[in-house]
Amino acid sequence: QNLCTLRGCCWSPQSDTNVPWCFFSSDHGYKVDGELRTTQEGFQATLTRLSSPSLFGNDISPLLLTAQYQTQTRFRFKLTDPETRRFEVPHEHVRPFSGPAASNLKYKV
């Protein structure tokens, strides 16, 4: 409980063991700035940092959220800095996805 409150989080013990006791309030972190933009793969959104305590420091604002409905059972999202390009570690099994977005999804976002 002490560590939770020191981080600026909310502490609420629950009887359900699947519910976290320590969590951020709804006015912490980022918010969607403007409307979601539909893409061939899914959607994009610009996120801006709320004026709340930073957990790690050097927060980026704005952020670009890119979401892809890759298959009926696989959703991929990326958070990137839209103003500064950064190196992304290549992975032999992760290929670029260019759509189209899957349909009949078995998940909700």
N, C-alpha and C. Protein backbone atom coordinates (compact mmCIF):
# COMPACT_ATOMS: atom_id res chain seq x y z
N GLN A 1 0.82 -1.20 0.00
CA GLN A 1 0.00 0.00 0.00
C GLN A 1 0.87 1.26 0.00
N ASN A 2 1.93 1.28 0.80
CA ASN A 2 2.80 2.46 0.85
C ASN A 2 3.43 2.76 -0.50
N LEU A 3 3.97 1.74 -1.17
CA LEU A 3 4.59 1.92 -2.48
C LEU A 3 3.57 2.43 -3.49
N CYS A 4 2.37 1.90 -3.43
CA CYS A 4 1.30 2.31 -4.33
C CYS A 4 1.00 3.80 -4.17
N THR A 5 0.79 4.25 -2.96
CA THR A 5 0.46 5.65 -2.74
C THR A 5 1.65 6.58 -3.01
N LEU A 6 2.88 6.09 -2.77
CA LEU A 6 4.06 6.90 -3.10
C LEU A 6 4.17 7.18 -4.59
N ARG A 7 3.70 6.24 -5.41
CA ARG A 7 3.72 6.43 -6.87
C ARG A 7 2.60 7.34 -7.34
N GLY A 8 1.70 7.73 -6.45
CA GLY A 8 0.57 8.57 -6.85
C GLY A 8 -0.59 7.76 -7.37
N CYS A 9 -0.62 6.47 -7.05
CA CYS A 9 -1.69 5.59 -7.51
C CYS A 9 -2.82 5.53 -6.49
N CYS A 10 -3.90 4.89 -6.89
CA CYS A 10 -5.05 4.67 -6.01
C CYS A 10 -4.93 3.28 -5.39
N TRP A 11 -5.30 3.15 -4.12
CA TRP A 11 -5.24 1.87 -3.40
C TRP A 11 -6.66 1.50 -2.99
N SER A 12 -7.12 0.33 -3.44
CA SER A 12 -8.47 -0.11 -3.12
C SER A 12 -8.51 -1.63 -3.04
N PRO A 13 -8.31 -2.19 -1.82
CA PRO A 13 -8.35 -3.65 -1.66
C PRO A 13 -9.69 -4.22 -2.10
N GLN A 14 -9.64 -5.34 -2.82
CA GLN A 14 -10.85 -5.98 -3.35
C GLN A 14 -10.90 -7.43 -2.91
N SER A 15 -12.10 -7.97 -2.80
CA SER A 15 -12.23 -9.39 -2.46
C SER A 15 -11.95 -10.27 -3.67
N ASP A 16 -12.16 -9.73 -4.86
CA ASP A 16 -11.89 -10.46 -6.11
C ASP A 16 -10.39 -10.41 -6.37
N THR A 17 -9.73 -11.57 -6.42
CA THR A 17 -8.28 -11.62 -6.61
C THR A 17 -7.86 -11.28 -8.04
N ASN A 18 -8.80 -11.18 -8.98
CA ASN A 18 -8.48 -10.82 -10.36
C ASN A 18 -8.49 -9.30 -10.59
N VAL A 19 -8.84 -8.54 -9.57
CA VAL A 19 -8.90 -7.09 -9.69
C VAL A 19 -7.68 -6.49 -9.00
N PRO A 20 -6.94 -5.62 -9.71
CA PRO A 20 -5.77 -5.01 -9.06
C PRO A 20 -6.17 -4.09 -7.92
N TRP A 21 -5.39 -4.11 -6.85
CA TRP A 21 -5.64 -3.24 -5.71
C TRP A 21 -5.00 -1.88 -5.91
N CYS A 22 -3.94 -1.82 -6.70
CA CYS A 22 -3.21 -0.58 -6.95
C CYS A 22 -3.39 -0.22 -8.43
N PHE A 23 -3.86 1.01 -8.71
CA PHE A 23 -4.13 1.39 -10.10
C PHE A 23 -4.03 2.89 -10.24
N PHE A 24 -3.84 3.34 -11.48
CA PHE A 24 -3.80 4.77 -11.77
C PHE A 24 -5.22 5.30 -11.84
N SER A 25 -5.40 6.55 -11.43
CA SER A 25 -6.71 7.19 -11.55
C SER A 25 -6.96 7.54 -13.01
N SER A 26 -8.19 7.87 -13.34
CA SER A 26 -8.54 8.17 -14.74
C SER A 26 -7.95 9.49 -15.21
N ASP A 27 -7.46 10.34 -14.32
CA ASP A 27 -6.84 11.59 -14.74
C ASP A 27 -5.32 11.51 -14.72
N HIS A 28 -4.79 10.32 -14.98
CA HIS A 28 -3.36 10.07 -14.96
C HIS A 28 -2.94 9.52 -16.32
N GLY A 29 -1.80 9.92 -16.82
CA GLY A 29 -1.27 9.34 -18.07
C GLY A 29 -1.55 10.19 -19.29
N TYR A 30 -2.26 9.61 -20.25
CA TYR A 30 -2.51 10.24 -21.54
C TYR A 30 -4.00 10.25 -21.86
N LYS A 31 -4.39 11.14 -22.77
CA LYS A 31 -5.76 11.16 -23.28
C LYS A 31 -5.72 11.27 -24.80
N VAL A 32 -6.78 10.81 -25.43
CA VAL A 32 -6.90 10.91 -26.89
C VAL A 32 -7.15 12.37 -27.22
N ASP A 33 -6.36 12.90 -28.14
CA ASP A 33 -6.49 14.29 -28.58
C ASP A 33 -7.13 14.28 -29.96
N GLY A 34 -8.37 14.70 -30.05
CA GLY A 34 -9.08 14.70 -31.32
C GLY A 34 -9.80 13.39 -31.54
N GLU A 35 -10.03 13.07 -32.80
CA GLU A 35 -10.79 11.88 -33.18
C GLU A 35 -9.87 10.73 -33.57
N LEU A 36 -10.37 9.50 -33.44
CA LEU A 36 -9.67 8.34 -33.98
C LEU A 36 -9.70 8.44 -35.50
N ARG A 37 -8.61 8.06 -36.15
CA ARG A 37 -8.53 8.07 -37.61
C ARG A 37 -8.51 6.63 -38.11
N THR A 38 -9.48 6.27 -38.91
CA THR A 38 -9.55 4.92 -39.47
C THR A 38 -8.47 4.76 -40.53
N THR A 39 -7.78 3.60 -40.49
CA THR A 39 -6.78 3.27 -41.50
C THR A 39 -7.15 1.93 -42.13
N GLN A 40 -6.44 1.54 -43.16
CA GLN A 40 -6.70 0.26 -43.82
C GLN A 40 -6.45 -0.90 -42.85
N GLU A 41 -5.52 -0.71 -41.90
CA GLU A 41 -5.17 -1.77 -40.96
C GLU A 41 -5.99 -1.74 -39.67
N GLY A 42 -6.55 -0.58 -39.31
CA GLY A 42 -7.26 -0.42 -38.05
C GLY A 42 -7.56 1.03 -37.76
N PHE A 43 -6.77 1.66 -36.87
CA PHE A 43 -6.97 3.07 -36.58
C PHE A 43 -5.70 3.68 -35.99
N GLN A 44 -5.69 5.02 -35.96
CA GLN A 44 -4.61 5.78 -35.32
C GLN A 44 -5.25 6.84 -34.43
N ALA A 45 -4.51 7.22 -33.39
CA ALA A 45 -4.95 8.29 -32.51
C ALA A 45 -3.73 9.04 -31.99
N THR A 46 -3.89 10.33 -31.79
CA THR A 46 -2.86 11.13 -31.16
C THR A 46 -3.19 11.22 -29.68
N LEU A 47 -2.19 10.95 -28.83
CA LEU A 47 -2.37 11.00 -27.38
C LEU A 47 -1.53 12.13 -26.82
N THR A 48 -2.08 12.88 -25.88
CA THR A 48 -1.33 13.93 -25.21
C THR A 48 -1.26 13.62 -23.72
N ARG A 49 -0.16 14.00 -23.13
CA ARG A 49 0.12 13.72 -21.72
C ARG A 49 -0.73 14.61 -20.83
N LEU A 50 -1.39 14.02 -19.85
CA LEU A 50 -2.12 14.77 -18.85
C LEU A 50 -1.13 15.33 -17.83
N SER A 51 -1.48 16.42 -17.20
CA SER A 51 -0.58 16.98 -16.20
C SER A 51 -0.76 16.22 -14.89
N SER A 52 -0.07 15.09 -14.81
CA SER A 52 -0.11 14.24 -13.62
C SER A 52 1.33 13.79 -13.34
N PRO A 53 1.59 13.30 -12.15
CA PRO A 53 2.97 12.87 -11.85
C PRO A 53 3.46 11.81 -12.84
N SER A 54 4.73 11.92 -13.18
CA SER A 54 5.33 10.97 -14.12
C SER A 54 5.93 9.80 -13.36
N LEU A 55 5.66 8.59 -13.82
CA LEU A 55 6.20 7.41 -13.16
C LEU A 55 7.68 7.21 -13.49
N PHE A 56 8.07 7.45 -14.75
CA PHE A 56 9.44 7.19 -15.19
C PHE A 56 10.20 8.44 -15.60
N GLY A 57 9.51 9.54 -15.90
CA GLY A 57 10.16 10.77 -16.35
C GLY A 57 10.39 10.77 -17.85
N ASN A 58 10.77 11.92 -18.40
CA ASN A 58 11.02 12.09 -19.84
C ASN A 58 9.85 11.60 -20.69
N ASP A 59 8.63 11.89 -20.27
CA ASP A 59 7.45 11.47 -21.02
C ASP A 59 7.39 12.20 -22.36
N ILE A 60 6.90 11.52 -23.36
CA ILE A 60 6.77 12.08 -24.70
C ILE A 60 5.34 12.55 -24.89
N SER A 61 5.19 13.73 -25.43
CA SER A 61 3.87 14.24 -25.76
C SER A 61 4.02 15.13 -26.97
N PRO A 62 3.29 14.90 -28.02
CA PRO A 62 2.27 13.88 -28.17
C PRO A 62 2.86 12.50 -28.52
N LEU A 63 2.01 11.49 -28.38
CA LEU A 63 2.33 10.12 -28.80
C LEU A 63 1.39 9.74 -29.94
N LEU A 64 1.84 8.83 -30.79
CA LEU A 64 0.98 8.30 -31.84
C LEU A 64 0.66 6.85 -31.50
N LEU A 65 -0.62 6.54 -31.37
CA LEU A 65 -1.09 5.17 -31.16
C LEU A 65 -1.51 4.63 -32.52
N THR A 66 -0.87 3.56 -32.96
CA THR A 66 -1.23 2.89 -34.21
C THR A 66 -1.76 1.52 -33.85
N ALA A 67 -2.99 1.24 -34.26
CA ALA A 67 -3.65 -0.03 -33.93
C ALA A 67 -3.94 -0.80 -35.21
N GLN A 68 -3.69 -2.12 -35.14
CA GLN A 68 -3.91 -2.98 -36.31
C GLN A 68 -4.73 -4.20 -35.90
N TYR A 69 -5.82 -4.43 -36.62
CA TYR A 69 -6.62 -5.64 -36.46
C TYR A 69 -6.02 -6.66 -37.43
N GLN A 70 -4.97 -7.34 -37.03
CA GLN A 70 -4.22 -8.18 -37.95
C GLN A 70 -4.94 -9.48 -38.30
N THR A 71 -5.50 -10.14 -37.33
CA THR A 71 -6.28 -11.36 -37.58
C THR A 71 -7.48 -11.35 -36.63
N GLN A 72 -8.32 -12.36 -36.73
CA GLN A 72 -9.48 -12.45 -35.84
C GLN A 72 -9.06 -12.57 -34.38
N THR A 73 -7.84 -13.06 -34.14
CA THR A 73 -7.39 -13.28 -32.77
C THR A 73 -6.12 -12.52 -32.41
N ARG A 74 -5.65 -11.63 -33.30
CA ARG A 74 -4.42 -10.89 -33.01
C ARG A 74 -4.61 -9.40 -33.29
N PHE A 75 -4.43 -8.61 -32.21
CA PHE A 75 -4.48 -7.16 -32.28
C PHE A 75 -3.08 -6.65 -31.96
N ARG A 76 -2.57 -5.73 -32.76
CA ARG A 76 -1.25 -5.16 -32.49
C ARG A 76 -1.38 -3.66 -32.33
N PHE A 77 -0.68 -3.11 -31.32
CA PHE A 77 -0.64 -1.67 -31.20
C PHE A 77 0.79 -1.22 -30.96
N LYS A 78 1.08 0.00 -31.42
CA LYS A 78 2.40 0.60 -31.23
C LYS A 78 2.20 2.01 -30.72
N LEU A 79 3.05 2.40 -29.78
CA LEU A 79 3.11 3.77 -29.31
C LEU A 79 4.43 4.34 -29.79
N THR A 80 4.38 5.42 -30.57
CA THR A 80 5.60 5.99 -31.13
C THR A 80 5.59 7.51 -30.95
N ASP A 81 6.76 8.08 -31.06
CA ASP A 81 6.93 9.53 -31.02
C ASP A 81 6.75 10.02 -32.46
N PRO A 82 5.68 10.76 -32.74
CA PRO A 82 5.45 11.18 -34.13
C PRO A 82 6.42 12.27 -34.60
N GLU A 83 7.17 12.86 -33.68
CA GLU A 83 8.08 13.94 -34.05
C GLU A 83 9.53 13.51 -34.17
N THR A 84 9.89 12.36 -33.60
CA THR A 84 11.27 11.89 -33.63
C THR A 84 11.30 10.41 -33.97
N ARG A 85 11.89 10.09 -35.08
CA ARG A 85 12.00 8.68 -35.49
C ARG A 85 13.05 7.99 -34.62
N ARG A 86 12.73 6.79 -34.17
CA ARG A 86 13.64 6.03 -33.32
C ARG A 86 13.91 4.66 -33.94
N PHE A 87 15.02 4.09 -33.55
CA PHE A 87 15.38 2.76 -34.02
C PHE A 87 14.41 1.73 -33.44
N GLU A 88 13.96 0.81 -34.29
CA GLU A 88 13.14 -0.31 -33.84
C GLU A 88 13.90 -1.59 -34.11
N VAL A 89 14.04 -2.41 -33.10
CA VAL A 89 14.78 -3.66 -33.24
C VAL A 89 14.04 -4.56 -34.21
N PRO A 90 14.69 -5.00 -35.28
CA PRO A 90 14.03 -5.90 -36.22
C PRO A 90 13.85 -7.28 -35.59
N HIS A 91 12.79 -7.94 -35.96
CA HIS A 91 12.52 -9.29 -35.44
C HIS A 91 12.19 -10.19 -36.63
N GLU A 92 12.80 -11.35 -36.67
CA GLU A 92 12.65 -12.24 -37.82
C GLU A 92 11.23 -12.73 -38.04
N HIS A 93 10.39 -12.76 -37.00
CA HIS A 93 9.04 -13.30 -37.13
C HIS A 93 7.96 -12.23 -37.17
N VAL A 94 8.33 -10.97 -37.04
CA VAL A 94 7.36 -9.89 -37.08
C VAL A 94 7.55 -9.14 -38.39
N ARG A 95 6.60 -9.30 -39.27
CA ARG A 95 6.66 -8.67 -40.59
C ARG A 95 5.75 -7.45 -40.61
N PRO A 96 6.04 -6.49 -41.47
CA PRO A 96 5.14 -5.34 -41.61
C PRO A 96 3.75 -5.81 -42.02
N PHE A 97 2.74 -5.16 -41.51
CA PHE A 97 1.35 -5.48 -41.83
C PHE A 97 0.76 -4.32 -42.60
N SER A 98 0.20 -4.60 -43.77
CA SER A 98 -0.36 -3.53 -44.59
C SER A 98 -1.86 -3.70 -44.82
N GLY A 99 -2.49 -4.57 -44.05
CA GLY A 99 -3.94 -4.71 -44.14
C GLY A 99 -4.36 -5.70 -45.20
N PRO A 100 -5.62 -5.81 -45.41
CA PRO A 100 -6.66 -5.03 -44.76
C PRO A 100 -6.95 -5.53 -43.35
N ALA A 101 -7.66 -4.73 -42.58
CA ALA A 101 -8.03 -5.10 -41.22
C ALA A 101 -8.89 -6.35 -41.25
N ALA A 102 -8.67 -7.23 -40.28
CA ALA A 102 -9.47 -8.45 -40.18
C ALA A 102 -10.89 -8.10 -39.77
N SER A 103 -11.81 -8.99 -40.08
CA SER A 103 -13.21 -8.81 -39.67
C SER A 103 -13.61 -9.99 -38.80
N ASN A 104 -14.84 -9.98 -38.30
CA ASN A 104 -15.34 -11.02 -37.40
C ASN A 104 -14.37 -11.26 -36.24
N LEU A 105 -13.98 -10.17 -35.61
CA LEU A 105 -12.98 -10.22 -34.54
C LEU A 105 -13.50 -10.97 -33.31
N LYS A 106 -12.60 -11.66 -32.63
CA LYS A 106 -12.94 -12.37 -31.40
C LYS A 106 -12.52 -11.56 -30.19
N TYR A 107 -12.32 -10.26 -30.34
CA TYR A 107 -11.92 -9.36 -29.28
C TYR A 107 -12.54 -7.99 -29.53
N LYS A 108 -12.56 -7.16 -28.49
CA LYS A 108 -13.06 -5.79 -28.60
C LYS A 108 -11.97 -4.85 -28.10
N VAL A 109 -11.80 -3.75 -28.80
CA VAL A 109 -10.83 -2.75 -28.40
C VAL A 109 -11.57 -1.46 -28.12
